[in-house]
C-alpha atoms as a PDB file:
ATOM      1  CA  UNK A   1      -0.035   0.005  -0.010  1.00  0.00           C
ATOM      2  CA  UNK A   2       1.578   3.233  -1.124  1.00  0.00           C
ATOM      3  CA  UNK A   3       0.840   6.636   0.183  1.00  0.00           C
ATOM      4  CA  UNK A   4       1.345   9.655  -2.053  1.00  0.00           C
ATOM      5  CA  UNK A   5       2.637  12.682  -0.173  1.00  0.00           C
ATOM      6  CA  UNK A   6       2.361  15.769  -2.171  1.00  0.00           C
ATOM      7  CA  UNK A   7       4.730  18.602  -1.522  1.00  0.00           C
ATOM      8  CA  UNK A   8       2.953  21.710  -0.218  1.00  0.00           C
ATOM      9  CA  UNK A   9       4.272  25.030  -1.227  1.00  0.00           C
ATOM     10  CA  UNK A  10       4.088  27.779   1.416  1.00  0.00           C
ATOM     11  CA  UNK A  11       2.660  30.851  -0.123  1.00  0.00           C
ATOM     12  CA  UNK A  12       3.119  34.078   1.939  1.00  0.00           C
ATOM     13  CA  UNK A  13      -0.117  35.803   2.766  1.00  0.00           C
ATOM     14  CA  UNK A  14       0.026  39.575   2.400  1.00  0.00           C
ATOM     15  CA  UNK A  15      -2.175  41.656   4.745  1.00  0.00           C
ATOM     16  CA  UNK A  16      -5.158  43.241   3.282  1.00  0.00           C
ATOM     17  CA  UNK A  17      -5.594  47.026   3.300  1.00  0.00           C
ATOM     18  CA  UNK A  18      -8.097  46.779   6.094  1.00  0.00           C
ATOM     19  CA  UNK A  19      -5.659  44.856   8.252  1.00  0.00           C
ATOM     20  CA  UNK A  20      -2.967  47.473   7.466  1.00  0.00           C
ATOM     21  CA  UNK A  21      -5.286  50.206   8.671  1.00  0.00           C
ATOM     22  CA  UNK A  22      -6.050  48.354  11.825  1.00  0.00           C
ATOM     23  CA  UNK A  23      -2.341  47.814  12.516  1.00  0.00           C
ATOM     24  CA  UNK A  24      -1.249  51.360  11.787  1.00  0.00           C
ATOM     25  CA  UNK A  25      -2.725  53.070  14.940  1.00  0.00           C
ATOM     26  CA  UNK A  26      -1.088  50.515  17.173  1.00  0.00           C
ATOM     27  CA  UNK A  27       2.283  51.111  15.452  1.00  0.00           C
ATOM     28  CA  UNK A  28       1.827  54.869  15.831  1.00  0.00           C
ATOM     29  CA  UNK A  29       0.995  54.617  19.500  1.00  0.00           C
ATOM     30  CA  UNK A  30       4.030  52.562  20.270  1.00  0.00           C
ATOM     31  CA  UNK A  31       6.630  54.042  22.549  1.00  0.00           C
ATOM     32  CA  UNK A  32       9.290  56.041  20.740  1.00  0.00           C
ATOM     33  CA  UNK A  33      12.851  54.959  20.923  1.00  0.00           C
ATOM     34  CA  UNK A  34      15.082  56.465  23.601  1.00  0.00           C
ATOM     35  CA  UNK A  35      16.796  58.808  21.253  1.00  0.00           C
ATOM     36  CA  UNK A  36      13.439  60.520  20.626  1.00  0.00           C
ATOM     37  CA  UNK A  37      12.770  61.077  24.268  1.00  0.00           C
ATOM     38  CA  UNK A  38      15.984  63.056  24.788  1.00  0.00           C
ATOM     39  CA  UNK A  39      15.674  65.498  21.872  1.00  0.00           C
ATOM     40  CA  UNK A  40      17.837  68.514  22.392  1.00  0.00           C
ATOM     41  CA  UNK A  41      15.077  70.834  21.216  1.00  0.00           C
ATOM     42  CA  UNK A  42      12.708  69.716  23.948  1.00  0.00           C
ATOM     43  CA  UNK A  43      15.228  70.148  26.771  1.00  0.00           C
ATOM     44  CA  UNK A  44      16.277  73.557  25.334  1.00  0.00           C
ATOM     45  CA  UNK A  45      12.651  74.766  25.248  1.00  0.00           C
ATOM     46  CA  UNK A  46      12.120  73.635  28.807  1.00  0.00           C
ATOM     47  CA  UNK A  47      15.213  75.449  30.001  1.00  0.00           C
ATOM     48  CA  UNK A  48      14.205  78.649  28.165  1.00  0.00           C
ATOM     49  CA  UNK A  49      10.681  78.343  29.653  1.00  0.00           C
ATOM     50  CA  UNK A  50      12.131  77.921  33.187  1.00  0.00           C
ATOM     51  CA  UNK A  51      14.505  80.924  32.681  1.00  0.00           C
ATOM     52  CA  UNK A  52      11.623  83.149  31.481  1.00  0.00           C
ATOM     53  CA  UNK A  53       9.468  82.139  34.514  1.00  0.00           C
ATOM     54  CA  UNK A  54      12.246  83.383  36.753  1.00  0.00           C
ATOM     55  CA  UNK A  55      13.322  86.437  34.742  1.00  0.00           C
ATOM     56  CA  UNK A  56       9.936  87.972  34.075  1.00  0.00           C
ATOM     57  CA  UNK A  57       8.970  88.385  37.747  1.00  0.00           C
ATOM     58  CA  UNK A  58      12.419  89.772  38.503  1.00  0.00           C
ATOM     59  CA  UNK A  59      12.172  92.197  35.646  1.00  0.00           C
ATOM     60  CA  UNK A  60       8.756  93.349  36.766  1.00  0.00           C
ATOM     61  CA  UNK A  61      10.135  93.952  40.327  1.00  0.00           C
ATOM     62  CA  UNK A  62      13.014  96.020  38.858  1.00  0.00           C
ATOM     63  CA  UNK A  63      10.567  98.070  36.915  1.00  0.00           C
ATOM     64  CA  UNK A  64       8.484  98.713  40.055  1.00  0.00           C
ATOM     65  CA  UNK A  65      11.586  99.720  41.994  1.00  0.00           C
ATOM     66  CA  UNK A  66      12.690 102.175  39.325  1.00  0.00           C
ATOM     67  CA  UNK A  67       9.260 103.658  39.118  1.00  0.00           C
ATOM     68  CA  UNK A  68       9.143 104.188  42.887  1.00  0.00           C
ATOM     69  CA  UNK A  69      12.590 105.636  42.607  1.00  0.00           C
ATOM     70  CA  UNK A  70      11.546 108.063  39.954  1.00  0.00           C
ATOM     71  CA  UNK A  71       8.521 109.187  42.025  1.00  0.00           C
ATOM     72  CA  UNK A  72      10.676 109.788  45.073  1.00  0.00           C
ATOM     73  CA  UNK A  73      13.194 111.796  42.928  1.00  0.00           C
ATOM     74  CA  UNK A  74      10.391 113.942  41.645  1.00  0.00           C
ATOM     75  CA  UNK A  75       8.877 114.638  45.057  1.00  0.00           C
ATOM     76  CA  UNK A  76      12.166 115.279  46.862  1.00  0.00           C
ATOM     77  CA  UNK A  77      14.698 118.041  46.196  1.00  0.00           C
ATOM     78  CA  UNK A  78      18.262 116.944  45.599  1.00  0.00           C
ATOM     79  CA  UNK A  79      17.407 113.206  45.310  1.00  0.00           C
ATOM     80  CA  UNK A  80      18.848 111.933  41.934  1.00  0.00           C
ATOM     81  CA  UNK A  81      16.677 110.329  39.300  1.00  0.00           C
ATOM     82  CA  UNK A  82      17.528 106.829  37.983  1.00  0.00           C
ATOM     83  CA  UNK A  83      18.832 108.454  34.684  1.00  0.00           C
ATOM     84  CA  UNK A  84      21.093 110.795  36.491  1.00  0.00           C
ATOM     85  CA  UNK A  85      22.382 107.924  38.636  1.00  0.00           C
ATOM     86  CA  UNK A  86      23.033 105.839  35.518  1.00  0.00           C
ATOM     87  CA  UNK A  87      25.059 108.618  34.020  1.00  0.00           C
ATOM     88  CA  UNK A  88      27.201 108.869  37.242  1.00  0.00           C
ATOM     89  CA  UNK A  89      27.580 105.059  37.234  1.00  0.00           C
ATOM     90  CA  UNK A  90      29.070 105.162  33.728  1.00  0.00           C
ATOM     91  CA  UNK A  91      31.702 107.600  34.937  1.00  0.00           C
ATOM     92  CA  UNK A  92      32.454 105.666  38.030  1.00  0.00           C
ATOM     93  CA  UNK A  93      32.822 102.255  36.430  1.00  0.00           C
ATOM     94  CA  UNK A  94      34.743 103.669  33.429  1.00  0.00           C
ATOM     95  CA  UNK A  95      37.875 103.525  35.727  1.00  0.00           C
ATOM     96  CA  UNK A  96      37.059 101.773  38.954  1.00  0.00           C
ATOM     97  CA  UNK A  97      40.673 101.010  39.831  1.00  0.00           C
ATOM     98  CA  UNK A  98      42.324 104.423  39.452  1.00  0.00           C
ATOM     99  CA  UNK A  99      44.725 105.576  42.225  1.00  0.00           C
ATOM    100  CA  UNK A 100      45.082 109.381  42.860  1.00  0.00           C
ATOM    101  CA  UNK A 101      46.379 109.247  46.376  1.00  0.00           C
ATOM    102  CA  UNK A 102      46.391 107.089  49.579  1.00  0.00           C
ATOM    103  CA  UNK A 103      42.701 107.896  50.318  1.00  0.00           C
ATOM    104  CA  UNK A 104      41.582 108.666  46.761  1.00  0.00           C
ATOM    105  CA  UNK A 105      41.041 105.454  44.928  1.00  0.00           C
ATOM    106  CA  UNK A 106      38.387 104.010  42.612  1.00  0.00           C
ATOM    107  CA  UNK A 107      35.415 102.197  43.866  1.00  0.00           C
ATOM    108  CA  UNK A 108      36.872  98.868  42.855  1.00  0.00           C
ATOM    109  CA  UNK A 109      39.809  99.273  45.232  1.00  0.00           C
ATOM    110  CA  UNK A 110      37.415 100.270  47.965  1.00  0.00           C
ATOM    111  CA  UNK A 111      35.318  97.099  47.526  1.00  0.00           C
ATOM    112  CA  UNK A 112      38.455  94.875  47.446  1.00  0.00           C
ATOM    113  CA  UNK A 113      39.680  96.563  50.640  1.00  0.00           C
ATOM    114  CA  UNK A 114      36.349  95.854  52.387  1.00  0.00           C
ATOM    115  CA  UNK A 115      36.334  92.267  51.102  1.00  0.00           C
ATOM    116  CA  UNK A 116      39.856  91.785  52.512  1.00  0.00           C
ATOM    117  CA  UNK A 117      38.800  92.872  55.968  1.00  0.00           C
ATOM    118  CA  UNK A 118      35.752  90.674  55.835  1.00  0.00           C
ATOM    119  CA  UNK A 119      37.861  87.685  54.693  1.00  0.00           C
ATOM    120  CA  UNK A 120      40.273  88.210  57.684  1.00  0.00           C
ATOM    121  CA  UNK A 121      37.655  88.579  60.358  1.00  0.00           C
ATOM    122  CA  UNK A 122      35.359  85.944  58.864  1.00  0.00           C
ATOM    123  CA  UNK A 123      38.262  83.461  58.484  1.00  0.00           C
ATOM    124  CA  UNK A 124      39.296  83.856  62.056  1.00  0.00           C
ATOM    125  CA  UNK A 125      35.693  83.449  63.186  1.00  0.00           C
ATOM    126  CA  UNK A 126      35.391  80.245  61.188  1.00  0.00           C
ATOM    127  CA  UNK A 127      38.663  78.867  62.753  1.00  0.00           C
ATOM    128  CA  UNK A 128      37.358  79.529  66.281  1.00  0.00           C
ATOM    129  CA  UNK A 129      33.561  79.229  65.879  1.00  0.00           C
ATOM    130  CA  UNK A 130      33.260  75.902  64.097  1.00  0.00           C
ATOM    131  CA  UNK A 131      35.502  73.853  66.546  1.00  0.00           C
ATOM    132  CA  UNK A 132      33.781  75.615  69.522  1.00  0.00           C
ATOM    133  CA  UNK A 133      30.391  74.533  68.058  1.00  0.00           C
ATOM    134  CA  UNK A 134      31.640  70.926  67.827  1.00  0.00           C
ATOM    135  CA  UNK A 135      32.844  71.060  71.514  1.00  0.00           C
ATOM    136  CA  UNK A 136      29.572  72.643  72.725  1.00  0.00           C
ATOM    137  CA  UNK A 137      27.417  70.092  70.933  1.00  0.00           C
ATOM    138  CA  UNK A 138      29.612  67.122  71.847  1.00  0.00           C
ATOM    139  CA  UNK A 139      30.217  67.714  75.592  1.00  0.00           C
ATOM    140  CA  UNK A 140      27.378  68.802  77.813  1.00  0.00           C
ATOM    141  CA  UNK A 141      29.945  70.236  80.420  1.00  0.00           C
ATOM    142  CA  UNK A 142      31.448  72.599  77.904  1.00  0.00           C
ATOM    143  CA  UNK A 143      27.924  73.584  76.746  1.00  0.00           C
ATOM    144  CA  UNK A 144      26.919  74.438  80.277  1.00  0.00           C
ATOM    145  CA  UNK A 145      30.076  76.465  80.674  1.00  0.00           C
ATOM    146  CA  UNK A 146      29.867  78.458  77.433  1.00  0.00           C
ATOM    147  CA  UNK A 147      26.140  78.924  76.787  1.00  0.00           C
ATOM    148  CA  UNK A 148      25.632  81.592  79.469  1.00  0.00           C
ATOM    149  CA  UNK A 149      28.544  83.609  77.916  1.00  0.00           C
ATOM    150  CA  UNK A 150      27.159  83.210  74.441  1.00  0.00           C
ATOM    151  CA  UNK A 151      23.676  84.303  75.562  1.00  0.00           C
ATOM    152  CA  UNK A 152      25.214  87.420  77.168  1.00  0.00           C
ATOM    153  CA  UNK A 153      27.442  88.571  74.378  1.00  0.00           C
ATOM    154  CA  UNK A 154      25.445  87.509  71.281  1.00  0.00           C
ATOM    155  CA  UNK A 155      22.743  90.299  71.494  1.00  0.00           C
ATOM    156  CA  UNK A 156      25.410  93.052  71.732  1.00  0.00           C
ATOM    157  CA  UNK A 157      25.518  95.307  68.687  1.00  0.00           C
ATOM    158  CA  UNK A 158      28.538  94.627  66.488  1.00  0.00           C
ATOM    159  CA  UNK A 159      29.488  98.341  66.457  1.00  0.00           C
ATOM    160  CA  UNK A 160      29.742  98.296  70.199  1.00  0.00           C
ATOM    161  CA  UNK A 161      32.811  96.115  69.832  1.00  0.00           C
ATOM    162  CA  UNK A 162      34.650  98.559  67.655  1.00  0.00           C
ATOM    163  CA  UNK A 163      35.926 100.829  70.457  1.00  0.00           C
ATOM    164  CA  UNK A 164      37.239  97.716  72.242  1.00  0.00           C
ATOM    165  CA  UNK A 165      39.075  96.745  69.053  1.00  0.00           C
ATOM    166  CA  UNK A 166      40.547 100.233  68.676  1.00  0.00           C
ATOM    167  CA  UNK A 167      41.766 100.171  72.310  1.00  0.00           C
ATOM    168  CA  UNK A 168      43.265  96.701  71.954  1.00  0.00           C
ATOM    169  CA  UNK A 169      44.997  97.047  68.564  1.00  0.00           C
ATOM    170  CA  UNK A 170      45.426 100.851  68.379  1.00  0.00           C
ATOM    171  CA  UNK A 171      44.802 100.840  64.653  1.00  0.00           C
ATOM    172  CA  UNK A 172      41.638 100.929  62.513  1.00  0.00           C
ATOM    173  CA  UNK A 173      42.521  97.987  60.175  1.00  0.00           C
ATOM    174  CA  UNK A 174      42.666  95.211  62.868  1.00  0.00           C
ATOM    175  CA  UNK A 175      39.845  96.920  64.748  1.00  0.00           C
ATOM    176  CA  UNK A 176      37.581  96.418  61.803  1.00  0.00           C
ATOM    177  CA  UNK A 177      38.654  92.841  61.410  1.00  0.00           C
ATOM    178  CA  UNK A 178      37.982  92.350  65.136  1.00  0.00           C
ATOM    179  CA  UNK A 179      34.428  93.725  64.673  1.00  0.00           C
ATOM    180  CA  UNK A 180      33.728  91.331  61.815  1.00  0.00           C
ATOM    181  CA  UNK A 181      35.237  88.417  63.915  1.00  0.00           C
ATOM    182  CA  UNK A 182      32.998  89.048  66.968  1.00  0.00           C
ATOM    183  CA  UNK A 183      29.781  89.616  64.983  1.00  0.00           C
ATOM    184  CA  UNK A 184      30.156  86.638  62.596  1.00  0.00           C
ATOM    185  CA  UNK A 185      31.319  84.043  65.058  1.00  0.00           C
ATOM    186  CA  UNK A 186      27.947  83.470  66.799  1.00  0.00           C
ATOM    187  CA  UNK A 187      25.930  81.928  63.829  1.00  0.00           C
ATOM    188  CA  UNK A 188      28.723  79.468  63.170  1.00  0.00           C
ATOM    189  CA  UNK A 189      28.953  78.344  66.823  1.00  0.00           C
ATOM    190  CA  UNK A 190      25.213  77.965  67.246  1.00  0.00           C
ATOM    191  CA  UNK A 191      24.456  76.186  63.935  1.00  0.00           C
ATOM    192  CA  UNK A 192      27.440  73.759  64.411  1.00  0.00           C
ATOM    193  CA  UNK A 193      26.384  72.938  67.908  1.00  0.00           C
ATOM    194  CA  UNK A 194      22.821  72.369  66.811  1.00  0.00           C
ATOM    195  CA  UNK A 195      23.918  70.023  63.980  1.00  0.00           C
ATOM    196  CA  UNK A 196      25.981  67.961  66.517  1.00  0.00           C
ATOM    197  CA  UNK A 197      23.118  67.590  68.929  1.00  0.00           C
ATOM    198  CA  UNK A 198      20.851  66.381  66.105  1.00  0.00           C
ATOM    199  CA  UNK A 199      23.057  63.386  65.292  1.00  0.00           C
ATOM    200  CA  UNK A 200      21.296  60.125  66.264  1.00  0.00           C
ATOM    201  CA  UNK A 201      22.758  58.624  69.413  1.00  0.00           C
ATOM    202  CA  UNK A 202      22.942  55.232  67.817  1.00  0.00           C
ATOM    203  CA  UNK A 203      25.840  56.473  65.617  1.00  0.00           C
ATOM    204  CA  UNK A 204      27.783  57.502  68.668  1.00  0.00           C
ATOM    205  CA  UNK A 205      26.992  54.243  70.492  1.00  0.00           C
ATOM    206  CA  UNK A 206      28.294  52.209  67.502  1.00  0.00           C
ATOM    207  CA  UNK A 207      31.501  54.369  67.679  1.00  0.00           C
ATOM    208  CA  UNK A 208      31.832  53.681  71.289  1.00  0.00           C
ATOM    209  CA  UNK A 209      31.367  49.895  70.809  1.00  0.00           C
ATOM    210  CA  UNK A 210      34.077  50.004  68.019  1.00  0.00           C
ATOM    211  CA  UNK A 211      36.345  51.991  70.441  1.00  0.00           C
ATOM    212  CA  UNK A 212      36.957  54.770  67.881  1.00  0.00           C
ATOM    213  CA  UNK A 213      39.047  57.617  69.023  1.00  0.00           C
ATOM    214  CA  UNK A 214      37.479  61.107  69.493  1.00  0.00           C
ATOM    215  CA  UNK A 215      39.350  62.378  66.501  1.00  0.00           C
ATOM    216  CA  UNK A 216      37.984  59.552  64.337  1.00  0.00           C
ATOM    217  CA  UNK A 217      34.460  60.182  65.532  1.00  0.00           C
ATOM    218  CA  UNK A 218      34.839  63.869  64.725  1.00  0.00           C
ATOM    219  CA  UNK A 219      36.223  63.133  61.281  1.00  0.00           C
ATOM    220  CA  UNK A 220      34.152  60.141  60.133  1.00  0.00           C
ATOM    221  CA  UNK A 221      30.836  60.657  61.929  1.00  0.00           C
ATOM    222  CA  UNK A 222      30.341  64.198  63.154  1.00  0.00           C
ATOM    223  CA  UNK A 223      31.738  66.350  60.384  1.00  0.00           C
ATOM    224  CA  UNK A 224      30.019  64.670  57.394  1.00  0.00           C
ATOM    225  CA  UNK A 225      26.663  64.847  59.240  1.00  0.00           C
ATOM    226  CA  UNK A 226      27.084  68.357  60.565  1.00  0.00           C
ATOM    227  CA  UNK A 227      28.409  69.889  57.315  1.00  0.00           C
ATOM    228  CA  UNK A 228      25.024  71.246  56.051  1.00  0.00           C
ATOM    229  CA  UNK A 229      24.513  72.964  59.402  1.00  0.00           C
ATOM    230  CA  UNK A 230      28.003  74.410  59.256  1.00  0.00           C
ATOM    231  CA  UNK A 231      27.417  75.755  55.737  1.00  0.00           C
ATOM    232  CA  UNK A 232      24.119  77.394  56.919  1.00  0.00           C
ATOM    233  CA  UNK A 233      26.023  79.127  59.746  1.00  0.00           C
ATOM    234  CA  UNK A 234      28.736  80.242  57.353  1.00  0.00           C
ATOM    235  CA  UNK A 235      26.082  81.693  54.963  1.00  0.00           C
ATOM    236  CA  UNK A 236      24.409  83.651  57.817  1.00  0.00           C
ATOM    237  CA  UNK A 237      27.743  84.816  59.150  1.00  0.00           C
ATOM    238  CA  UNK A 238      28.956  86.158  55.769  1.00  0.00           C
ATOM    239  CA  UNK A 239      25.846  88.209  55.356  1.00  0.00           C
ATOM    240  CA  UNK A 240      26.278  89.733  58.801  1.00  0.00           C
ATOM    241  CA  UNK A 241      29.997  90.445  58.236  1.00  0.00           C
ATOM    242  CA  UNK A 242      29.352  92.224  54.897  1.00  0.00           C
ATOM    243  CA  UNK A 243      26.624  94.219  56.538  1.00  0.00           C
ATOM    244  CA  UNK A 244      28.754  95.341  59.497  1.00  0.00           C
ATOM    245  CA  UNK A 245      31.954  96.197  57.641  1.00  0.00           C
ATOM    246  CA  UNK A 246      30.207  99.144  55.894  1.00  0.00           C
ATOM    247  CA  UNK A 247      29.243 100.778  59.195  1.00  0.00           C
ATOM    248  CA  UNK A 248      32.649 100.014  60.716  1.00  0.00           C
ATOM    249  CA  UNK A 249      34.398 101.686  57.869  1.00  0.00           C
ATOM    250  CA  UNK A 250      32.308 104.841  58.145  1.00  0.00           C
ATOM    251  CA  UNK A 251      33.666 105.207  61.765  1.00  0.00           C
ATOM    252  CA  UNK A 252      37.365 104.143  61.097  1.00  0.00           C
ATOM    253  CA  UNK A 253      37.998 105.815  57.758  1.00  0.00           C
ATOM    254  CA  UNK A 254      40.687 104.739  55.399  1.00  0.00           C
ATOM    255  CA  UNK A 255      40.064 102.799  52.139  1.00  0.00           C
ATOM    256  CA  UNK A 256      36.826 100.804  52.022  1.00  0.00           C
ATOM    257  CA  UNK A 257      33.363 101.028  50.598  1.00  0.00           C
ATOM    258  CA  UNK A 258      31.926 102.402  53.906  1.00  0.00           C
ATOM    259  CA  UNK A 259      34.454 105.170  53.981  1.00  0.00           C
ATOM    260  CA  UNK A 260      33.797 105.841  50.270  1.00  0.00           C
ATOM    261  CA  UNK A 261      30.091 106.184  50.993  1.00  0.00           C
ATOM    262  CA  UNK A 262      30.841 108.643  53.857  1.00  0.00           C
ATOM    263  CA  UNK A 263      33.278 110.659  51.759  1.00  0.00           C
ATOM    264  CA  UNK A 264      30.662 110.941  48.896  1.00  0.00           C
ATOM    265  CA  UNK A 265      28.121 112.184  51.464  1.00  0.00           C
ATOM    266  CA  UNK A 266      30.466 114.881  52.579  1.00  0.00           C
ATOM    267  CA  UNK A 267      30.795 115.910  48.918  1.00  0.00           C
ATOM    268  CA  UNK A 268      26.958 115.705  48.499  1.00  0.00           C
ATOM    269  CA  UNK A 269      27.259 113.201  45.668  1.00  0.00           C
ATOM    270  CA  UNK A 270      24.002 111.452  46.485  1.00  0.00           C
ATOM    271  CA  UNK A 271      23.909 109.497  43.125  1.00  0.00           C
ATOM    272  CA  UNK A 272      27.304 108.017  44.020  1.00  0.00           C
ATOM    273  CA  UNK A 273      25.961 106.838  47.351  1.00  0.00           C
ATOM    274  CA  UNK A 274      23.007 105.083  45.536  1.00  0.00           C
ATOM    275  CA  UNK A 275      25.411 103.387  43.234  1.00  0.00           C
ATOM    276  CA  UNK A 276      27.497 102.229  46.242  1.00  0.00           C
ATOM    277  CA  UNK A 277      24.396 100.851  47.916  1.00  0.00           C
ATOM    278  CA  UNK A 278      23.450  98.877  44.795  1.00  0.00           C
ATOM    279  CA  UNK A 279      27.041  97.609  44.515  1.00  0.00           C
ATOM    280  CA  UNK A 280      27.110  96.525  48.157  1.00  0.00           C
ATOM    281  CA  UNK A 281      23.823  94.611  47.581  1.00  0.00           C
ATOM    282  CA  UNK A 282      25.173  92.987  44.485  1.00  0.00           C
ATOM    283  CA  UNK A 283      28.394  91.793  46.127  1.00  0.00           C
ATOM    284  CA  UNK A 284      26.363  90.558  49.163  1.00  0.00           C
ATOM    285  CA  UNK A 285      24.039  88.660  46.875  1.00  0.00           C
ATOM    286  CA  UNK A 286      26.883  87.031  44.969  1.00  0.00           C
ATOM    287  CA  UNK A 287      28.546  85.892  48.294  1.00  0.00           C
ATOM    288  CA  UNK A 288      25.376  84.476  49.678  1.00  0.00           C
ATOM    289  CA  UNK A 289      24.408  82.647  46.399  1.00  0.00           C
ATOM    290  CA  UNK A 290      27.811  81.214  46.183  1.00  0.00           C
ATOM    291  CA  UNK A 291      27.584  79.794  49.675  1.00  0.00           C
ATOM    292  CA  UNK A 292      24.023  78.582  49.044  1.00  0.00           C
ATOM    293  CA  UNK A 293      25.297  76.690  45.935  1.00  0.00           C
ATOM    294  CA  UNK A 294      28.024  75.114  48.080  1.00  0.00           C
ATOM    295  CA  UNK A 295      25.419  74.139  50.720  1.00  0.00           C
ATOM    296  CA  UNK A 296      23.165  72.549  48.099  1.00  0.00           C
ATOM    297  CA  UNK A 297      26.204  70.647  46.788  1.00  0.00           C
ATOM    298  CA  UNK A 298      26.819  69.019  50.243  1.00  0.00           C
ATOM    299  CA  UNK A 299      23.115  68.584  51.093  1.00  0.00           C
ATOM    300  CA  UNK A 300      21.899  65.012  51.775  1.00  0.00           C
ATOM    301  CA  UNK A 301      18.984  65.602  49.384  1.00  0.00           C
ATOM    302  CA  UNK A 302      21.385  65.751  46.521  1.00  0.00           C
ATOM    303  CA  UNK A 303      23.252  62.582  47.416  1.00  0.00           C
END
């Protein structure tokens, strides 16, 4: 008995037009490849939109400020208009680093002199205040010993310390740095101590079980955990230091933005005083924003 097996040829079946139409929407709704999701144009538009959302309110605020400034200039005799101040600013910043004498220098040199005094006083405050904050937060005996002194001296006006500095150092330059030191040390002490006290006790118990030295505990446990608090204290201190140096220089004289403002007042150059005020605000904003960027860099939220 024989069985005939016929060879079957496989014929490809092409989809009909109706089937193509039904498949097309599914293909169109499919997820695009990863390259499409990261198109440069989309991210650029998002960045521009975010920049405009920040720039437009700031621009409106500047317009309101200039309008109020113009109204005040119209209603007050001798108060310069924004246009007059702008013309004076072009003259001042045309040569901000000229030198015509020991006490006659451009506004750029005066700002640098003030920043130098702030750096000296602020640096000394950081060298003393941050370790003191660690000791106060770490040891209750030291906290009980120093907290009453801090509570007594912290509310004192910074300028009240200037005569003490003049008496101790007999010169205006170190007296100004002393004033910066004494006014900027408190935020660093208090914020550092607060950060140390907020460390979970379990971390310190583990360190005690492992018999770690106090230096190792400070370096490996306390400092990384307290760093955001330290940077907050530093940011507050730099703002106070830049605020106080202007008033201190008005009293001590010499080269500095505070003395420059007082000298312009004696010459009745009110528009130059306004320029100096805006410059002081700009420098302070740059200092604060820079420290805030550093604080965000070391924040636990970004790790």
